[in-house]
């Protein structure tokens, strides 16, 4: 028995981990719907998102961090740690504060020689533009369709391994007219069209079979604001679709915005740091999935 166990162990060491150890992808695209309150998104005209959900693993009750604000939340989303570690507690582009101090997923991906990209609709994302970590960085406009167009051009021409895309419209409409207002629902509909632009680019680039998309948000909202610990502000969507993802599968395990960073690295075979507060959401993926070759 001992000899047989030794032989099996030797084969694993020589041949590497078995194919069922973890699903992998060559490309991961994270899309954040700013202010994406789940109940409002579900009430909005978003046919592209609804089509995605039919072949996705998802939860509408993922949780953001405290404070539930755009820059702190996105910093947790893209570093895998809570604010007590990343210390980004402000919520605007403040050049005097410098760049994000803890390692981002872009920096960790670059250490493994992977290509990276970030496209966003707000100047505050300049805090992520750390030298030698993001190959393609642009803040085109406070307009999801413009952001999606620029991101699509990069996806087609450069096929980045790790790409983050931010849609701002829904947050602006929430602050201007209220969460759940007709104006905000129209903003989500516009972002749905932007999502289609990104999905079409993935198809045109020929990387559909090797890509995982994670669709999520930084926070929800109530009235014309957010930032509290109220469920209306804290609940966010978390949707994964693509290579190795379970289809039409509702995730029941707890999901936090920090888990987005961990899942992206895990999919790309980049070691997840022990310092991370997030963890890969492995339940969203098929045990039989293997990395695309």
Foldseek 3Di string as FASTA:
>chain_A
DVVVVVVVVVCCVVVDHDQLPAFAFQAEEEEAEAQAQPVLLVVFPQVLVVVQLQFWEKAQFAWFAAQLADPQRVQLLFQQAHCVPQVPPDHAQDPVVAAGDHDGLLQLVVVVVFAEEEEEQHPNCVSHCDPPRHPYYYNQHQALQRSLVVVLVCCQPPVGRYYYGYHRQLLVCCLVPNANDPSSSVSSRRNSVSVVSNVVSCVNSVRQQRYKYWYKHSFHDGGNGGRDPDSRTTGMMTMIHGAQFGGSHYDPDHHYSSQNSQQSCVNNVRDDDPNRPHHHPRVRGDSNTGHDD
